[in-house]
C-alpha atoms as a PDB file:
ATOM      1  CA  MET A   1      -4.163  49.455   5.779  1.00  0.00           C
ATOM      2  CA  LYS A   2      -7.687  49.442   4.330  1.00  0.00           C
ATOM      3  CA  ARG A   3      -6.388  47.618   1.248  1.00  0.00           C
ATOM      4  CA  ALA A   4      -4.776  44.878   3.400  1.00  0.00           C
ATOM      5  CA  VAL A   5      -8.023  44.345   5.324  1.00  0.00           C
ATOM      6  CA  THR A   6     -10.019  44.221   2.074  1.00  0.00           C
ATOM      7  CA  GLY A   7      -7.556  41.701   0.600  1.00  0.00           C
ATOM      8  CA  ALA A   8      -7.754  39.530   3.705  1.00  0.00           C
ATOM      9  CA  CYS A   9     -11.561  39.618   3.545  1.00  0.00           C
ATOM     10  CA  LEU A  10     -11.481  38.576  -0.110  1.00  0.00           C
ATOM     11  CA  TRP A  11      -9.212  35.612   0.688  1.00  0.00           C
ATOM     12  CA  LEU A  12     -11.499  34.572   3.527  1.00  0.00           C
ATOM     13  CA  CYS A  13     -14.618  34.922   1.385  1.00  0.00           C
ATOM     14  CA  VAL A  14     -13.063  32.945  -1.446  1.00  0.00           C
ATOM     15  CA  GLY A  15     -12.034  30.164   0.941  1.00  0.00           C
ATOM     16  CA  LEU A  16     -15.464  29.929   2.556  1.00  0.00           C
ATOM     17  CA  ALA A  17     -17.400  29.971  -0.699  1.00  0.00           C
ATOM     18  CA  LEU A  18     -15.514  27.159  -2.406  1.00  0.00           C
ATOM     19  CA  PRO A  19     -16.848  23.621  -2.131  1.00  0.00           C
ATOM     20  CA  ALA A  20     -15.054  21.385   0.379  1.00  0.00           C
ATOM     21  CA  GLY A  21     -12.747  19.750  -2.172  1.00  0.00           C
ATOM     22  CA  ALA A  22     -11.552  23.062  -3.595  1.00  0.00           C
ATOM     23  CA  GLN A  23     -10.868  24.825  -0.284  1.00  0.00           C
ATOM     24  CA  GLU A  24      -7.203  23.878  -0.454  1.00  0.00           C
ATOM     25  CA  LEU A  25      -6.801  26.130  -3.495  1.00  0.00           C
ATOM     26  CA  MET A  26      -5.573  29.675  -3.063  1.00  0.00           C
ATOM     27  CA  VAL A  27      -7.697  31.911  -5.311  1.00  0.00           C
ATOM     28  CA  TYR A  28      -7.119  35.609  -5.994  1.00  0.00           C
ATOM     29  CA  PRO A  29      -9.437  37.833  -8.086  1.00  0.00           C
ATOM     30  CA  ALA A  30      -6.661  39.090 -10.394  1.00  0.00           C
ATOM     31  CA  LYS A  31      -9.013  41.157 -12.564  1.00  0.00           C
ATOM     32  CA  GLY A  32     -10.836  42.842  -9.668  1.00  0.00           C
ATOM     33  CA  GLN A  33     -13.887  40.576  -9.812  1.00  0.00           C
ATOM     34  CA  SER A  34     -16.618  41.562  -7.353  1.00  0.00           C
ATOM     35  CA  ALA A  35     -17.631  39.303  -4.489  1.00  0.00           C
ATOM     36  CA  GLU A  36     -20.864  38.507  -6.331  1.00  0.00           C
ATOM     37  CA  GLN A  37     -18.980  37.604  -9.513  1.00  0.00           C
ATOM     38  CA  GLN A  38     -16.570  35.417  -7.504  1.00  0.00           C
ATOM     39  CA  LYS A  39     -19.444  33.433  -6.000  1.00  0.00           C
ATOM     40  CA  LYS A  40     -21.004  32.946  -9.428  1.00  0.00           C
ATOM     41  CA  ASP A  41     -17.683  31.888 -11.015  1.00  0.00           C
ATOM     42  CA  LYS A  42     -16.862  29.450  -8.206  1.00  0.00           C
ATOM     43  CA  ALA A  43     -20.284  27.843  -8.385  1.00  0.00           C
ATOM     44  CA  GLU A  44     -20.092  27.487 -12.169  1.00  0.00           C
ATOM     45  CA  CYS A  45     -16.531  26.137 -12.012  1.00  0.00           C
ATOM     46  CA  HIS A  46     -17.601  23.596  -9.391  1.00  0.00           C
ATOM     47  CA  VAL A  47     -20.414  22.329 -11.643  1.00  0.00           C
ATOM     48  CA  TRP A  48     -18.071  22.232 -14.647  1.00  0.00           C
ATOM     49  CA  ALA A  49     -15.368  20.350 -12.698  1.00  0.00           C
ATOM     50  CA  VAL A  50     -17.912  17.775 -11.483  1.00  0.00           C
ATOM     51  CA  ASP A  51     -19.109  17.293 -15.082  1.00  0.00           C
ATOM     52  CA  GLN A  52     -15.525  16.901 -16.318  1.00  0.00           C
ATOM     53  CA  THR A  53     -14.320  14.504 -13.619  1.00  0.00           C
ATOM     54  CA  GLY A  54     -17.447  12.741 -12.402  1.00  0.00           C
ATOM     55  CA  PHE A  55     -16.329  13.518  -8.845  1.00  0.00           C
ATOM     56  CA  ASP A  56     -18.214  15.778  -6.445  1.00  0.00           C
ATOM     57  CA  PRO A  57     -16.299  16.500  -3.225  1.00  0.00           C
ATOM     58  CA  THR A  58     -19.443  17.858  -1.572  1.00  0.00           C
ATOM     59  CA  THR A  59     -21.070  14.410  -1.681  1.00  0.00           C
ATOM     60  CA  ALA A  60     -18.046  12.058  -1.698  1.00  0.00           C
ATOM     61  CA  GLU A  61     -17.027  10.579   1.616  1.00  0.00           C
ATOM     62  CA  ALA A  62     -13.318  10.036   2.152  1.00  0.00           C
ATOM     63  CA  PRO A  63     -12.500   6.435   3.113  1.00  0.00           C
ATOM     64  CA  ALA A  64      -9.895   5.629   5.746  1.00  0.00           C
ATOM     65  CA  GLN A  65      -6.377   6.400   4.550  1.00  0.00           C
ATOM     66  CA  THR A  66      -4.908   3.146   5.875  1.00  0.00           C
ATOM     67  CA  VAL A  67      -6.212  -0.316   6.727  1.00  0.00           C
ATOM     68  CA  THR A  68      -4.852  -2.714   9.314  1.00  0.00           C
ATOM     69  CA  THR A  69      -4.989  -6.465   8.841  1.00  0.00           C
ATOM     70  CA  ALA A  70      -4.133  -9.247  11.273  1.00  0.00           C
ATOM     71  CA  LEU A  71      -1.200 -11.454  10.310  1.00  0.00           C
ATOM     72  CA  PRO A  72      -1.426 -15.230  10.817  1.00  0.00           C
ATOM     73  CA  LYS A  73       0.255 -16.577  13.957  1.00  0.00           C
ATOM     74  CA  GLN A  74       3.626 -18.184  13.403  1.00  0.00           C
ATOM     75  CA  LYS A  75       4.318 -21.686  14.672  1.00  0.00           C
ATOM     76  CA  VAL A  76       7.247 -22.271  16.990  1.00  0.00           C
ATOM     77  CA  VAL A  77       7.334 -26.030  16.505  1.00  0.00           C
ATOM     78  CA  GLY A  78       9.198 -27.327  13.478  1.00  0.00           C
ATOM     79  CA  SER A  79      11.106 -24.140  12.858  1.00  0.00           C
ATOM     80  CA  GLY A  80      14.500 -25.843  13.019  1.00  0.00           C
ATOM     81  CA  ALA A  81      15.658 -23.528  15.806  1.00  0.00           C
ATOM     82  CA  ALA A  82      16.184 -26.381  18.280  1.00  0.00           C
ATOM     83  CA  VAL A  83      18.111 -28.495  15.750  1.00  0.00           C
ATOM     84  CA  GLY A  84      20.318 -25.579  14.729  1.00  0.00           C
ATOM     85  CA  GLY A  85      20.960 -24.684  18.351  1.00  0.00           C
ATOM     86  CA  ALA A  86      21.724 -28.303  19.204  1.00  0.00           C
ATOM     87  CA  ALA A  87      24.230 -28.588  16.352  1.00  0.00           C
ATOM     88  CA  ARG A  88      26.050 -25.426  17.394  1.00  0.00           C
ATOM     89  CA  GLY A  89      25.936 -26.445  21.045  1.00  0.00           C
ATOM     90  CA  ALA A  90      27.273 -29.925  20.255  1.00  0.00           C
ATOM     91  CA  ALA A  91      30.189 -28.460  18.331  1.00  0.00           C
ATOM     92  CA  VAL A  92      31.115 -26.097  21.154  1.00  0.00           C
ATOM     93  CA  GLY A  93      30.540 -28.860  23.748  1.00  0.00           C
ATOM     94  CA  ALA A  94      32.729 -31.329  21.855  1.00  0.00           C
ATOM     95  CA  VAL A  95      35.606 -28.846  21.794  1.00  0.00           C
ATOM     96  CA  THR A  96      35.146 -28.044  25.461  1.00  0.00           C
ATOM     97  CA  GLY A  97      34.792 -31.755  26.332  1.00  0.00           C
ATOM     98  CA  ALA A  98      37.939 -32.629  24.360  1.00  0.00           C
ATOM     99  CA  ILE A  99      39.891 -30.082  26.345  1.00  0.00           C
ATOM    100  CA  MET A 100      38.537 -31.572  29.569  1.00  0.00           C
ATOM    101  CA  GLY A 101      39.138 -35.156  28.428  1.00  0.00           C
ATOM    102  CA  ASP A 102      35.697 -36.420  27.306  1.00  0.00           C
ATOM    103  CA  ALA A 103      34.506 -35.026  23.980  1.00  0.00           C
ATOM    104  CA  GLY A 104      31.358 -37.225  23.957  1.00  0.00           C
ATOM    105  CA  LYS A 105      30.000 -35.899  27.262  1.00  0.00           C
ATOM    106  CA  GLY A 106      30.864 -32.354  26.243  1.00  0.00           C
ATOM    107  CA  ALA A 107      29.052 -32.751  22.927  1.00  0.00           C
ATOM    108  CA  ALA A 108      25.960 -34.188  24.626  1.00  0.00           C
ATOM    109  CA  ALA A 109      25.842 -31.398  27.194  1.00  0.00           C
ATOM    110  CA  GLY A 110      26.443 -28.760  24.495  1.00  0.00           C
ATOM    111  CA  ALA A 111      23.712 -30.219  22.284  1.00  0.00           C
ATOM    112  CA  ALA A 112      21.170 -30.118  25.095  1.00  0.00           C
ATOM    113  CA  GLY A 113      22.072 -26.556  26.034  1.00  0.00           C
ATOM    114  CA  GLY A 114      22.168 -25.427  22.402  1.00  0.00           C
ATOM    115  CA  ALA A 115      18.744 -26.930  21.690  1.00  0.00           C
ATOM    116  CA  LEU A 116      17.296 -25.122  24.693  1.00  0.00           C
ATOM    117  CA  ILE A 117      18.852 -21.803  23.689  1.00  0.00           C
ATOM    118  CA  GLY A 118      17.751 -22.231  20.045  1.00  0.00           C
ATOM    119  CA  THR A 119      14.166 -22.921  21.107  1.00  0.00           C
ATOM    120  CA  MET A 120      14.138 -19.924  23.469  1.00  0.00           C
ATOM    121  CA  ARG A 121      15.490 -17.602  20.769  1.00  0.00           C
ATOM    122  CA  ARG A 122      12.877 -18.779  18.277  1.00  0.00           C
ATOM    123  CA  ARG A 123      10.048 -18.255  20.766  1.00  0.00           C
ATOM    124  CA  GLN A 124      11.329 -14.751  21.440  1.00  0.00           C
ATOM    125  CA  GLU A 125      11.395 -14.033  17.684  1.00  0.00           C
ATOM    126  CA  VAL A 126       7.803 -15.200  17.344  1.00  0.00           C
ATOM    127  CA  LYS A 127       6.711 -13.117  20.350  1.00  0.00           C
ATOM    128  CA  SER A 128       8.326  -9.963  18.986  1.00  0.00           C
ATOM    129  CA  ALA A 129       7.032 -10.476  15.439  1.00  0.00           C
ATOM    130  CA  PRO A 130       4.307  -7.987  14.411  1.00  0.00           C
ATOM    131  CA  THR A 131       0.752  -9.291  14.694  1.00  0.00           C
ATOM    132  CA  THR A 132      -0.812  -6.691  12.377  1.00  0.00           C
ATOM    133  CA  GLN A 133       0.089  -5.002   9.116  1.00  0.00           C
ATOM    134  CA  THR A 134      -0.911  -1.457   8.129  1.00  0.00           C
ATOM    135  CA  GLN A 135      -1.066  -0.446   4.481  1.00  0.00           C
ATOM    136  CA  THR A 136      -2.578   2.274   2.293  1.00  0.00           C
ATOM    137  CA  ASN A 137      -6.254   1.709   1.606  1.00  0.00           C
ATOM    138  CA  PRO A 138      -6.751   1.290  -2.187  1.00  0.00           C
ATOM    139  CA  GLU A 139     -10.156   2.990  -1.880  1.00  0.00           C
ATOM    140  CA  TYR A 140      -8.450   6.044  -0.356  1.00  0.00           C
ATOM    141  CA  ALA A 141      -5.886   6.133  -3.174  1.00  0.00           C
ATOM    142  CA  GLN A 142      -8.739   6.198  -5.724  1.00  0.00           C
ATOM    143  CA  TYR A 143     -10.599   8.890  -3.748  1.00  0.00           C
ATOM    144  CA  LYS A 144      -7.451  11.041  -3.612  1.00  0.00           C
ATOM    145  CA  ALA A 145      -6.815  10.644  -7.353  1.00  0.00           C
ATOM    146  CA  ASN A 146     -10.418  11.683  -8.099  1.00  0.00           C
ATOM    147  CA  ARG A 147     -10.177  14.651  -5.727  1.00  0.00           C
ATOM    148  CA  ASP A 148      -6.898  15.768  -7.320  1.00  0.00           C
ATOM    149  CA  ARG A 149      -8.471  15.607 -10.802  1.00  0.00           C
ATOM    150  CA  TYR A 150     -11.437  17.651  -9.551  1.00  0.00           C
ATOM    151  CA  GLN A 151      -9.127  20.296  -8.065  1.00  0.00           C
ATOM    152  CA  LYS A 152      -7.141  20.468 -11.288  1.00  0.00           C
ATOM    153  CA  ALA A 153     -10.388  21.084 -13.205  1.00  0.00           C
ATOM    154  CA  VAL A 154     -11.531  23.806 -10.767  1.00  0.00           C
ATOM    155  CA  LYS A 155      -8.114  25.447 -11.025  1.00  0.00           C
ATOM    156  CA  ALA A 156      -8.260  25.414 -14.838  1.00  0.00           C
ATOM    157  CA  CYS A 157     -11.763  26.890 -14.839  1.00  0.00           C
ATOM    158  CA  LEU A 158     -10.975  29.677 -12.372  1.00  0.00           C
ATOM    159  CA  SER A 159      -7.713  30.493 -14.161  1.00  0.00           C
ATOM    160  CA  GLY A 160      -9.632  30.767 -17.418  1.00  0.00           C
ATOM    161  CA  ARG A 161     -11.972  33.279 -15.762  1.00  0.00           C
ATOM    162  CA  GLY A 162      -9.106  35.547 -14.708  1.00  0.00           C
ATOM    163  CA  TYR A 163      -8.289  34.363 -11.187  1.00  0.00           C
ATOM    164  CA  GLY A 164      -4.840  33.665  -9.847  1.00  0.00           C
ATOM    165  CA  VAL A 165      -5.016  30.109  -8.502  1.00  0.00           C
ATOM    166  CA  GLU A 166      -2.424  28.102  -6.559  1.00  0.00           C
END
């Protein structure tokens, strides 16, 4: 029981003593390093990792992970929706009018109705179209790559000093 409590304390101490960017690492003193030695090794590995990567997580500020941009408004006029609707409506109206005895009147009525329906559908499409776009922030991607390189360097340093690191 005492050993489990001591191990838990070591894990907690290791986690609290690491710089912010290295706190995600799981570090175990595999060679029985003292708490004092662990602090010294972590501090030296932090300095070495900063020198190797040029990135210091204690001073770097993480940018937003995503950015949202406004999309330009779409125009309803000139989309061709009314013309397409009118053509389909005229075709259906002509067939219906021919059955009823006057294909011309049927085509005219169908064209008018089709144009109206085509315009309404297009307006609905424009209304339901997204007005913003969210994408990964390139500055965040660079920050993450730098942080990952820093963590890799810290891991290499601590492993070289006899710690189990994951």
